[in-house]
Amino acid sequence: GALLIAWLGGRIMRGKLLTAGSLIWPLLFAALSRTRSLPLSLLILAGA
């Protein structure tokens, strides 16, 4: 995520990307709470 922000530089609407992030990570936490699989947990944590 940090690399993506650095690469996009001034080409992004920072507020839109921030808003999207604030909506997505809680949903991923909800998904994490429902799994006991290590590979899936690692993938969800990366997305969060």
All heavy atoms as atom14 arrays in JSON, in Angstrom:
{
  "sequence": "GALLIAWLGGRIMRGKLLTAGSLIWPLLFAALSRTRSLPLSLLILAGA",
  "atom14_mask": [
    [1, 1, 1, 1, 0, 0, 0, 0, 0, 0, 0, 0, 0, 0],
    [1, 1, 1, 1, 1, 0, 0, 0, 0, 0, 0, 0, 0, 0],
    [1, 1, 1, 1, 1, 1, 1, 1, 0, 0, 0, 0, 0, 0],
    [1, 1, 1, 1, 1, 1, 1, 1, 0, 0, 0, 0, 0, 0],
    [1, 1, 1, 1, 1, 1, 1, 1, 0, 0, 0, 0, 0, 0],
    [1, 1, 1, 1, 1, 0, 0, 0, 0, 0, 0, 0, 0, 0],
    [1, 1, 1, 1, 1, 1, 1, 1, 1, 1, 1, 1, 1, 1],
    [1, 1, 1, 1, 1, 1, 1, 1, 0, 0, 0, 0, 0, 0],
    [1, 1, 1, 1, 0, 0, 0, 0, 0, 0, 0, 0, 0, 0],
    [1, 1, 1, 1, 0, 0, 0, 0, 0, 0, 0, 0, 0, 0],
    [1, 1, 1, 1, 1, 1, 1, 1, 1, 1, 1, 0, 0, 0],
    [1, 1, 1, 1, 1, 1, 1, 1, 0, 0, 0, 0, 0, 0],
    [1, 1, 1, 1, 1, 1, 1, 1, 0, 0, 0, 0, 0, 0],
    [1, 1, 1, 1, 1, 1, 1, 1, 1, 1, 1, 0, 0, 0],
    [1, 1, 1, 1, 0, 0, 0, 0, 0, 0, 0, 0, 0, 0],
    [1, 1, 1, 1, 1, 1, 1, 1, 1, 0, 0, 0, 0, 0],
    [1, 1, 1, 1, 1, 1, 1, 1, 0, 0, 0, 0, 0, 0],
    [1, 1, 1, 1, 1, 1, 1, 1, 0, 0, 0, 0, 0, 0],
    [1, 1, 1, 1, 1, 1, 1, 0, 0, 0, 0, 0, 0, 0],
    [1, 1, 1, 1, 1, 0, 0, 0, 0, 0, 0, 0, 0, 0],
    [1, 1, 1, 1, 0, 0, 0, 0, 0, 0, 0, 0, 0, 0],
    [1, 1, 1, 1, 1, 1, 0, 0, 0, 0, 0, 0, 0, 0],
    [1, 1, 1, 1, 1, 1, 1, 1, 0, 0, 0, 0, 0, 0],
    [1, 1, 1, 1, 1, 1, 1, 1, 0, 0, 0, 0, 0, 0],
    [1, 1, 1, 1, 1, 1, 1, 1, 1, 1, 1, 1, 1, 1],
    [1, 1, 1, 1, 1, 1, 1, 0, 0, 0, 0, 0, 0, 0],
    [1, 1, 1, 1, 1, 1, 1, 1, 0, 0, 0, 0, 0, 0],
    [1, 1, 1, 1, 1, 1, 1, 1, 0, 0, 0, 0, 0, 0],
    [1, 1, 1, 1, 1, 1, 1, 1, 1, 1, 1, 0, 0, 0],
    [1, 1, 1, 1, 1, 0, 0, 0, 0, 0, 0, 0, 0, 0],
    [1, 1, 1, 1, 1, 0, 0, 0, 0, 0, 0, 0, 0, 0],
    [1, 1, 1, 1, 1, 1, 1, 1, 0, 0, 0, 0, 0, 0],
    [1, 1, 1, 1, 1, 1, 0, 0, 0, 0, 0, 0, 0, 0],
    [1, 1, 1, 1, 1, 1, 1, 1, 1, 1, 1, 0, 0, 0],
    [1, 1, 1, 1, 1, 1, 1, 0, 0, 0, 0, 0, 0, 0],
    [1, 1, 1, 1, 1, 1, 1, 1, 1, 1, 1, 0, 0, 0],
    [1, 1, 1, 1, 1, 1, 0, 0, 0, 0, 0, 0, 0, 0],
    [1, 1, 1, 1, 1, 1, 1, 1, 0, 0, 0, 0, 0, 0],
    [1, 1, 1, 1, 1, 1, 1, 0, 0, 0, 0, 0, 0, 0],
    [1, 1, 1, 1, 1, 1, 1, 1, 0, 0, 0, 0, 0, 0],
    [1, 1, 1, 1, 1, 1, 0, 0, 0, 0, 0, 0, 0, 0],
    [1, 1, 1, 1, 1, 1, 1, 1, 0, 0, 0, 0, 0, 0],
    [1, 1, 1, 1, 1, 1, 1, 1, 0, 0, 0, 0, 0, 0],
    [1, 1, 1, 1, 1, 1, 1, 1, 0, 0, 0, 0, 0, 0],
    [1, 1, 1, 1, 1, 1, 1, 1, 0, 0, 0, 0, 0, 0],
    [1, 1, 1, 1, 1, 0, 0, 0, 0, 0, 0, 0, 0, 0],
    [1, 1, 1, 1, 0, 0, 0, 0, 0, 0, 0, 0, 0, 0],
    [1, 1, 1, 1, 1, 0, 0, 0, 0, 0, 0, 0, 0, 0]
  ],
  "atom14_positions": [
    [[0.81, -1.21, 0.0], [0.0, 0.0, 0.0], [0.84, 1.26, 0.0], [0.55, 2.22, -0.72], [0.0, 0.0, 0.0], [0.0, 0.0, 0.0], [0.0, 0.0, 0.0], [0.0, 0.0, 0.0], [0.0, 0.0, 0.0], [0.0, 0.0, 0.0], [0.0, 0.0, 0.0], [0.0, 0.0, 0.0], [0.0, 0.0, 0.0], [0.0, 0.0, 0.0]],
    [[1.91, 1.27, 0.8], [2.79, 2.44, 0.85], [3.5, 2.66, -0.48], [3.64, 3.8, -0.96], [3.81, 2.29, 1.98], [0.0, 0.0, 0.0], [0.0, 0.0, 0.0], [0.0, 0.0, 0.0], [0.0, 0.0, 0.0], [0.0, 0.0, 0.0], [0.0, 0.0, 0.0], [0.0, 0.0, 0.0], [0.0, 0.0, 0.0], [0.0, 0.0, 0.0]],
    [[3.95, 1.57, -1.12], [4.59, 1.68, -2.43], [3.61, 2.23, -3.47], [3.98, 3.04, -4.33], [5.12, 0.32, -2.87], [6.47, -0.1, -2.3], [6.75, -1.56, -2.64], [7.58, 0.79, -2.86], [0.0, 0.0, 0.0], [0.0, 0.0, 0.0], [0.0, 0.0, 0.0], [0.0, 0.0, 0.0], [0.0, 0.0, 0.0], [0.0, 0.0, 0.0]],
    [[2.36, 1.78, -3.39], [1.35, 2.26, -4.34], [1.13, 3.76, -4.18], [1.06, 4.5, -5.18], [0.03, 1.5, -4.12], [-1.13, 1.91, -5.02], [-0.79, 1.68, -6.49], [-2.4, 1.15, -4.64], [0.0, 0.0, 0.0], [0.0, 0.0, 0.0], [0.0, 0.0, 0.0], [0.0, 0.0, 0.0], [0.0, 0.0, 0.0], [0.0, 0.0, 0.0]],
    [[1.04, 4.23, -2.94], [0.85, 5.66, -2.7], [2.04, 6.45, -3.22], [1.9, 7.5, -3.87], [0.61, 5.93, -1.21], [-0.71, 5.31, -0.76], [0.61, 7.43, -0.92], [-0.91, 5.32, 0.75], [0.0, 0.0, 0.0], [0.0, 0.0, 0.0], [0.0, 0.0, 0.0], [0.0, 0.0, 0.0], [0.0, 0.0, 0.0], [0.0, 0.0, 0.0]],
    [[3.25, 5.95, -2.95], [4.46, 6.65, -3.41], [4.51, 6.68, -4.94], [4.9, 7.69, -5.53], [5.71, 5.97, -2.84], [0.0, 0.0, 0.0], [0.0, 0.0, 0.0], [0.0, 0.0, 0.0], [0.0, 0.0, 0.0], [0.0, 0.0, 0.0], [0.0, 0.0, 0.0], [0.0, 0.0, 0.0], [0.0, 0.0, 0.0], [0.0, 0.0, 0.0]],
    [[4.13, 5.6, -5.59], [4.17, 5.52, -7.05], [3.14, 6.44, -7.7], [3.42, 7.13, -8.68], [3.94, 4.09, -7.5], [3.88, 3.94, -9.0], [4.9, 4.1, -9.89], [2.72, 3.61, -9.77], [4.45, 3.89, -11.17], [3.12, 3.6, -11.13], [1.39, 3.33, -9.44], [2.23, 3.32, -12.16], [0.51, 3.03, -10.47], [0.93, 3.03, -11.81]],
    [[1.95, 6.49, -7.1], [0.9, 7.33, -7.66], [1.2, 8.81, -7.5], [0.84, 9.63, -8.34], [-0.45, 6.99, -7.01], [-1.06, 5.64, -7.39], [-2.27, 5.35, -6.53], [-1.44, 5.61, -8.86], [0.0, 0.0, 0.0], [0.0, 0.0, 0.0], [0.0, 0.0, 0.0], [0.0, 0.0, 0.0], [0.0, 0.0, 0.0], [0.0, 0.0, 0.0]],
    [[1.88, 9.16, -6.39], [2.27, 10.55, -6.18], [1.08, 11.48, -6.25], [0.06, 11.3, -5.6], [0.0, 0.0, 0.0], [0.0, 0.0, 0.0], [0.0, 0.0, 0.0], [0.0, 0.0, 0.0], [0.0, 0.0, 0.0], [0.0, 0.0, 0.0], [0.0, 0.0, 0.0], [0.0, 0.0, 0.0], [0.0, 0.0, 0.0], [0.0, 0.0, 0.0]],
    [[1.18, 12.54, -7.06], [0.12, 13.54, -7.18], [-1.0, 13.16, -8.12], [-1.87, 13.97, -8.41], [0.0, 0.0, 0.0], [0.0, 0.0, 0.0], [0.0, 0.0, 0.0], [0.0, 0.0, 0.0], [0.0, 0.0, 0.0], [0.0, 0.0, 0.0], [0.0, 0.0, 0.0], [0.0, 0.0, 0.0], [0.0, 0.0, 0.0], [0.0, 0.0, 0.0]],
    [[-0.99, 11.89, -8.59], [-2.01, 11.47, -9.55], [-3.25, 10.92, -8.88], [-4.14, 10.41, -9.55], [-1.41, 10.42, -10.5], [-0.33, 10.96, -11.41], [0.43, 9.86, -12.12], [1.31, 9.16, -11.2], [2.1, 8.15, -11.56], [2.07, 7.71, -12.79], [2.88, 7.57, -10.68], [0.0, 0.0, 0.0], [0.0, 0.0, 0.0], [0.0, 0.0, 0.0]],
    [[-3.33, 10.95, -7.56], [-4.47, 10.36, -6.87], [-5.26, 11.43, -6.13], [-4.74, 12.47, -5.76], [-4.01, 9.3, -5.84], [-3.04, 9.92, -4.82], [-3.37, 8.11, -6.53], [-2.71, 9.0, -3.67], [0.0, 0.0, 0.0], [0.0, 0.0, 0.0], [0.0, 0.0, 0.0], [0.0, 0.0, 0.0], [0.0, 0.0, 0.0], [0.0, 0.0, 0.0]],
    [[-6.54, 11.14, -5.96], [-7.36, 11.9, -5.04], [-7.21, 11.23, -3.68], [-7.77, 10.16, -3.42], [-8.82, 11.89, -5.49], [-9.08, 12.69, -6.76], [-8.87, 14.46, -6.52], [-10.33, 14.83, -5.53], [0.0, 0.0, 0.0], [0.0, 0.0, 0.0], [0.0, 0.0, 0.0], [0.0, 0.0, 0.0], [0.0, 0.0, 0.0], [0.0, 0.0, 0.0]],
    [[-6.38, 11.83, -2.83], [-6.02, 11.15, -1.6], [-7.23, 10.86, -0.73], [-7.29, 9.82, -0.05], [-4.98, 12.01, -0.85], [-3.65, 12.09, -1.57], [-2.66, 13.0, -0.86], [-3.08, 14.39, -0.87], [-2.36, 15.39, -0.37], [-1.19, 15.13, 0.2], [-2.79, 16.63, -0.42], [0.0, 0.0, 0.0], [0.0, 0.0, 0.0], [0.0, 0.0, 0.0]],
    [[-8.2, 11.77, -0.73], [-9.38, 11.57, 0.09], [-10.19, 10.35, -0.31], [-10.72, 9.62, 0.53], [0.0, 0.0, 0.0], [0.0, 0.0, 0.0], [0.0, 0.0, 0.0], [0.0, 0.0, 0.0], [0.0, 0.0, 0.0], [0.0, 0.0, 0.0], [0.0, 0.0, 0.0], [0.0, 0.0, 0.0], [0.0, 0.0, 0.0], [0.0, 0.0, 0.0]],
    [[-10.29, 10.1, -1.62], [-11.04, 8.92, -2.1], [-10.35, 7.63, -1.69], [-10.99, 6.66, -1.27], [-11.19, 8.99, -3.62], [-12.16, 10.06, -4.1], [-12.31, 10.04, -5.61], [-13.31, 11.09, -6.06], [-13.47, 11.11, -7.54], [0.0, 0.0, 0.0], [0.0, 0.0, 0.0], [0.0, 0.0, 0.0], [0.0, 0.0, 0.0], [0.0, 0.0, 0.0]],
    [[-9.03, 7.59, -1.84], [-8.29, 6.38, -1.48], [-8.36, 6.14, 0.03], [-8.5, 5.0, 0.49], [-6.84, 6.52, -1.94], [-6.01, 5.23, -2.02], [-6.66, 4.22, -2.94], [-4.6, 5.55, -2.5], [0.0, 0.0, 0.0], [0.0, 0.0, 0.0], [0.0, 0.0, 0.0], [0.0, 0.0, 0.0], [0.0, 0.0, 0.0], [0.0, 0.0, 0.0]],
    [[-8.26, 7.2, 0.81], [-8.37, 7.09, 2.26], [-9.74, 6.56, 2.66], [-9.87, 5.66, 3.51], [-8.11, 8.46, 2.89], [-8.02, 8.57, 4.42], [-7.2, 9.78, 4.8], [-9.41, 8.71, 5.05], [0.0, 0.0, 0.0], [0.0, 0.0, 0.0], [0.0, 0.0, 0.0], [0.0, 0.0, 0.0], [0.0, 0.0, 0.0], [0.0, 0.0, 0.0]],
    [[-10.79, 7.1, 2.04], [-12.15, 6.66, 2.35], [-12.34, 5.19, 2.01], [-12.93, 4.42, 2.79], [-13.18, 7.5, 1.58], [-13.02, 8.89, 1.95], [-14.58, 7.06, 1.89], [0.0, 0.0, 0.0], [0.0, 0.0, 0.0], [0.0, 0.0, 0.0], [0.0, 0.0, 0.0], [0.0, 0.0, 0.0], [0.0, 0.0, 0.0], [0.0, 0.0, 0.0]],
    [[-11.83, 4.76, 0.85], [-11.93, 3.36, 0.46], [-11.24, 2.46, 1.48], [-11.78, 1.43, 1.9], [-11.33, 3.15, -0.93], [0.0, 0.0, 0.0], [0.0, 0.0, 0.0], [0.0, 0.0, 0.0], [0.0, 0.0, 0.0], [0.0, 0.0, 0.0], [0.0, 0.0, 0.0], [0.0, 0.0, 0.0], [0.0, 0.0, 0.0], [0.0, 0.0, 0.0]],
    [[-10.04, 2.87, 1.91], [-9.32, 2.07, 2.89], [-10.08, 1.94, 4.21], [-10.12, 0.87, 4.82], [0.0, 0.0, 0.0], [0.0, 0.0, 0.0], [0.0, 0.0, 0.0], [0.0, 0.0, 0.0], [0.0, 0.0, 0.0], [0.0, 0.0, 0.0], [0.0, 0.0, 0.0], [0.0, 0.0, 0.0], [0.0, 0.0, 0.0], [0.0, 0.0, 0.0]],
    [[-10.72, 3.03, 4.63], [-11.44, 3.01, 5.91], [-12.65, 2.09, 5.88], [-13.08, 1.59, 6.92], [-11.88, 4.44, 6.28], [-12.91, 4.89, 5.43], [0.0, 0.0, 0.0], [0.0, 0.0, 0.0], [0.0, 0.0, 0.0], [0.0, 0.0, 0.0], [0.0, 0.0, 0.0], [0.0, 0.0, 0.0], [0.0, 0.0, 0.0], [0.0, 0.0, 0.0]],
    [[-13.2, 1.86, 4.69], [-14.35, 0.96, 4.55], [-13.94, -0.49, 4.38], [-14.66, -1.41, 4.78], [-15.2, 1.39, 3.36], [-15.99, 2.69, 3.5], [-16.51, 3.15, 2.15], [-17.15, 2.51, 4.49], [0.0, 0.0, 0.0], [0.0, 0.0, 0.0], [0.0, 0.0, 0.0], [0.0, 0.0, 0.0], [0.0, 0.0, 0.0], [0.0, 0.0, 0.0]],
    [[-12.76, -0.73, 3.79], [-12.36, -2.09, 3.43], [-11.74, -2.85, 4.59], [-12.06, -4.03, 4.82], [-11.4, -2.06, 2.22], [-12.15, -1.6, 0.97], [-10.78, -3.44, 1.98], [-11.24, -1.32, -0.22], [0.0, 0.0, 0.0], [0.0, 0.0, 0.0], [0.0, 0.0, 0.0], [0.0, 0.0, 0.0], [0.0, 0.0, 0.0], [0.0, 0.0, 0.0]],
    [[-10.82, -2.2, 5.36], [-10.12, -2.99, 6.37], [-11.04, -3.57, 7.45], [-10.8, -4.71, 7.9], [-8.93, -2.24, 6.97], [-9.2, -1.13, 7.95], [-9.16, 0.2, 7.72], [-9.52, -1.28, 9.34], [-9.44, 0.91, 8.86], [-9.65, 0.02, 9.88], [-9.7, -2.36, 10.2], [-9.99, 0.26, 11.21], [-10.02, -2.13, 11.54], [-10.16, -0.83, 12.02]],
    [[-12.11, -2.88, 7.87], [-12.98, -3.53, 8.86], [-13.67, -4.78, 8.31], [-13.89, -5.75, 9.05], [-14.0, -2.43, 9.19], [-13.32, -1.15, 8.84], [-12.51, -1.47, 7.65], [0.0, 0.0, 0.0], [0.0, 0.0, 0.0], [0.0, 0.0, 0.0], [0.0, 0.0, 0.0], [0.0, 0.0, 0.0], [0.0, 0.0, 0.0], [0.0, 0.0, 0.0]],
    [[-14.02, -4.76, 7.01], [-14.64, -5.94, 6.42], [-13.67, -7.12, 6.38], [-14.06, -8.27, 6.58], [-15.13, -5.61, 5.0], [-16.25, -4.56, 4.91], [-16.58, -4.29, 3.44], [-17.49, -5.02, 5.66], [0.0, 0.0, 0.0], [0.0, 0.0, 0.0], [0.0, 0.0, 0.0], [0.0, 0.0, 0.0], [0.0, 0.0, 0.0], [0.0, 0.0, 0.0]],
    [[-12.41, -6.82, 6.12], [-11.4, -7.88, 6.11], [-11.18, -8.44, 7.52], [-10.96, -9.65, 7.68], [-10.09, -7.35, 5.54], [-10.13, -7.05, 4.03], [-8.85, -6.35, 3.59], [-10.31, -8.35, 3.24], [0.0, 0.0, 0.0], [0.0, 0.0, 0.0], [0.0, 0.0, 0.0], [0.0, 0.0, 0.0], [0.0, 0.0, 0.0], [0.0, 0.0, 0.0]],
    [[-11.28, -7.58, 8.53], [-11.17, -8.08, 9.9], [-12.34, -9.02, 10.22], [-12.16, -10.03, 10.91], [-11.17, -6.9, 10.88], [-9.8, -6.45, 11.26], [-8.79, -6.4, 10.32], [-9.51, -6.07, 12.56], [-7.51, -5.98, 10.67], [-8.24, -5.66, 12.93], [-7.24, -5.61, 11.97], [0.0, 0.0, 0.0], [0.0, 0.0, 0.0], [0.0, 0.0, 0.0]],
    [[-13.52, -8.69, 9.72], [-14.67, -9.56, 9.92], [-14.43, -10.92, 9.27], [-14.75, -11.97, 9.85], [-15.94, -8.92, 9.36], [0.0, 0.0, 0.0], [0.0, 0.0, 0.0], [0.0, 0.0, 0.0], [0.0, 0.0, 0.0], [0.0, 0.0, 0.0], [0.0, 0.0, 0.0], [0.0, 0.0, 0.0], [0.0, 0.0, 0.0], [0.0, 0.0, 0.0]],
    [[-13.84, -10.91, 8.08], [-13.52, -12.17, 7.4], [-12.46, -12.96, 8.17], [-12.54, -14.19, 8.29], [-13.04, -11.88, 5.98], [0.0, 0.0, 0.0], [0.0, 0.0, 0.0], [0.0, 0.0, 0.0], [0.0, 0.0, 0.0], [0.0, 0.0, 0.0], [0.0, 0.0, 0.0], [0.0, 0.0, 0.0], [0.0, 0.0, 0.0], [0.0, 0.0, 0.0]],
    [[-11.46, -12.26, 8.7], [-10.41, -12.93, 9.46], [-10.98, -13.64, 10.68], [-10.52, -14.75, 11.04], [-9.37, -11.89, 9.91], [-8.22, -12.41, 10.76], [-7.32, -13.33, 9.95], [-7.39, -11.25, 11.33], [0.0, 0.0, 0.0], [0.0, 0.0, 0.0], [0.0, 0.0, 0.0], [0.0, 0.0, 0.0], [0.0, 0.0, 0.0], [0.0, 0.0, 0.0]],
    [[-11.98, -13.05, 11.29], [-12.54, -13.63, 12.51], [-13.27, -14.94, 12.25], [-13.57, -15.68, 13.19], [-13.52, -12.64, 13.16], [-14.71, -12.51, 12.4], [0.0, 0.0, 0.0], [0.0, 0.0, 0.0], [0.0, 0.0, 0.0], [0.0, 0.0, 0.0], [0.0, 0.0, 0.0], [0.0, 0.0, 0.0], [0.0, 0.0, 0.0], [0.0, 0.0, 0.0]],
    [[-13.54, -15.24, 10.99], [-14.32, -16.43, 10.64], [-13.45, -17.59, 10.13], [-14.0, -18.61, 9.72], [-15.36, -16.09, 9.57], [-16.39, -15.03, 9.95], [-17.27, -15.48, 11.1], [-16.7, -15.09, 12.41], [-17.15, -15.52, 13.57], [-18.15, -16.38, 13.63], [-16.6, -15.1, 14.7], [0.0, 0.0, 0.0], [0.0, 0.0, 0.0], [0.0, 0.0, 0.0]],
    [[-12.14, -17.45, 10.11], [-11.3, -18.51, 9.54], [-10.25, -18.98, 10.54], [-9.76, -18.21, 11.38], [-10.6, -18.02, 8.26], [-9.81, -19.09, 7.72], [-9.67, -16.84, 8.54], [0.0, 0.0, 0.0], [0.0, 0.0, 0.0], [0.0, 0.0, 0.0], [0.0, 0.0, 0.0], [0.0, 0.0, 0.0], [0.0, 0.0, 0.0], [0.0, 0.0, 0.0]],
    [[-9.9, -20.27, 10.43], [-8.79, -20.85, 11.17], [-7.71, -21.38, 10.23], [-6.81, -22.11, 10.66], [-9.29, -21.99, 12.07], [-10.1, -21.52, 13.26], [-10.58, -22.69, 14.1], [-11.28, -22.24, 15.29], [-10.73, -22.07, 16.48], [-9.42, -22.29, 16.62], [-11.42, -21.68, 17.51], [0.0, 0.0, 0.0], [0.0, 0.0, 0.0], [0.0, 0.0, 0.0]],
    [[-7.8, -21.01, 8.97], [-6.82, -21.43, 7.97], [-5.64, -20.47, 7.98], [-5.82, -19.26, 7.85], [-7.46, -21.46, 6.58], [-6.49, -21.48, 5.57], [0.0, 0.0, 0.0], [0.0, 0.0, 0.0], [0.0, 0.0, 0.0], [0.0, 0.0, 0.0], [0.0, 0.0, 0.0], [0.0, 0.0, 0.0], [0.0, 0.0, 0.0], [0.0, 0.0, 0.0]],
    [[-4.42, -20.99, 8.11], [-3.24, -20.13, 8.11], [-3.04, -19.42, 6.77], [-2.86, -18.19, 6.77], [-1.98, -20.93, 8.47], [-0.66, -20.15, 8.39], [-0.67, -18.95, 9.34], [0.51, -21.07, 8.7], [0.0, 0.0, 0.0], [0.0, 0.0, 0.0], [0.0, 0.0, 0.0], [0.0, 0.0, 0.0], [0.0, 0.0, 0.0], [0.0, 0.0, 0.0]],
    [[-3.08, -20.11, 5.62], [-2.9, -19.39, 4.35], [-3.93, -18.28, 4.14], [-3.59, -17.18, 3.7], [-3.02, -20.49, 3.29], [-2.65, -21.75, 4.0], [-3.18, -21.57, 5.39], [0.0, 0.0, 0.0], [0.0, 0.0, 0.0], [0.0, 0.0, 0.0], [0.0, 0.0, 0.0], [0.0, 0.0, 0.0], [0.0, 0.0, 0.0], [0.0, 0.0, 0.0]],
    [[-5.2, -18.58, 4.45], [-6.24, -17.58, 4.27], [-6.06, -16.43, 5.25], [-6.27, -15.26, 4.9], [-7.62, -18.22, 4.44], [-8.83, -17.33, 4.11], [-8.73, -16.79, 2.68], [-10.13, -18.11, 4.31], [0.0, 0.0, 0.0], [0.0, 0.0, 0.0], [0.0, 0.0, 0.0], [0.0, 0.0, 0.0], [0.0, 0.0, 0.0], [0.0, 0.0, 0.0]],
    [[-5.64, -16.73, 6.46], [-5.39, -15.68, 7.45], [-4.28, -14.75, 6.98], [-4.38, -13.52, 7.13], [-5.01, -16.3, 8.8], [-6.06, -17.07, 9.34], [0.0, 0.0, 0.0], [0.0, 0.0, 0.0], [0.0, 0.0, 0.0], [0.0, 0.0, 0.0], [0.0, 0.0, 0.0], [0.0, 0.0, 0.0], [0.0, 0.0, 0.0], [0.0, 0.0, 0.0]],
    [[-3.2, -15.33, 6.43], [-2.1, -14.51, 5.93], [-2.56, -13.61, 4.78], [-2.2, -12.43, 4.7], [-0.95, -15.4, 5.47], [-0.27, -16.23, 6.56], [0.78, -17.15, 5.95], [0.37, -15.35, 7.62], [0.0, 0.0, 0.0], [0.0, 0.0, 0.0], [0.0, 0.0, 0.0], [0.0, 0.0, 0.0], [0.0, 0.0, 0.0], [0.0, 0.0, 0.0]],
    [[-3.4, -14.15, 3.89], [-3.89, -13.37, 2.76], [-4.79, -12.23, 3.23], [-4.68, -11.09, 2.76], [-4.66, -14.29, 1.8], [-5.19, -13.65, 0.52], [-4.03, -13.15, -0.34], [-6.04, -14.66, -0.27], [0.0, 0.0, 0.0], [0.0, 0.0, 0.0], [0.0, 0.0, 0.0], [0.0, 0.0, 0.0], [0.0, 0.0, 0.0], [0.0, 0.0, 0.0]],
    [[-5.68, -12.52, 4.17], [-6.59, -11.48, 4.68], [-5.8, -10.4, 5.4], [-6.07, -9.2, 5.23], [-7.64, -12.11, 5.6], [-8.59, -13.0, 4.81], [-8.44, -11.02, 6.32], [-9.54, -13.81, 5.67], [0.0, 0.0, 0.0], [0.0, 0.0, 0.0], [0.0, 0.0, 0.0], [0.0, 0.0, 0.0], [0.0, 0.0, 0.0], [0.0, 0.0, 0.0]],
    [[-4.81, -10.79, 6.21], [-4.02, -9.8, 6.92], [-3.23, -8.91, 5.97], [-3.06, -7.71, 6.21], [-3.06, -10.48, 7.9], [-3.65, -10.87, 9.26], [-2.63, -11.63, 10.08], [-4.14, -9.64, 10.01], [0.0, 0.0, 0.0], [0.0, 0.0, 0.0], [0.0, 0.0, 0.0], [0.0, 0.0, 0.0], [0.0, 0.0, 0.0], [0.0, 0.0, 0.0]],
    [[-2.76, -9.49, 4.87], [-2.06, -8.67, 3.87], [-3.01, -7.64, 3.27], [-2.65, -6.46, 3.1], [-1.49, -9.56, 2.77], [0.0, 0.0, 0.0], [0.0, 0.0, 0.0], [0.0, 0.0, 0.0], [0.0, 0.0, 0.0], [0.0, 0.0, 0.0], [0.0, 0.0, 0.0], [0.0, 0.0, 0.0], [0.0, 0.0, 0.0], [0.0, 0.0, 0.0]],
    [[-4.25, -8.05, 2.95], [-5.22, -7.11, 2.42], [-5.58, -6.03, 3.43], [-5.73, -4.85, 3.08], [0.0, 0.0, 0.0], [0.0, 0.0, 0.0], [0.0, 0.0, 0.0], [0.0, 0.0, 0.0], [0.0, 0.0, 0.0], [0.0, 0.0, 0.0], [0.0, 0.0, 0.0], [0.0, 0.0, 0.0], [0.0, 0.0, 0.0], [0.0, 0.0, 0.0]],
    [[-5.71, -6.42, 4.7], [-5.99, -5.43, 5.74], [-4.84, -4.46, 5.88], [-5.04, -3.26, 6.14], [-6.27, -6.14, 7.07], [0.0, 0.0, 0.0], [0.0, 0.0, 0.0], [0.0, 0.0, 0.0], [0.0, 0.0, 0.0], [0.0, 0.0, 0.0], [0.0, 0.0, 0.0], [0.0, 0.0, 0.0], [0.0, 0.0, 0.0], [0.0, 0.0, 0.0]]
  ]
}
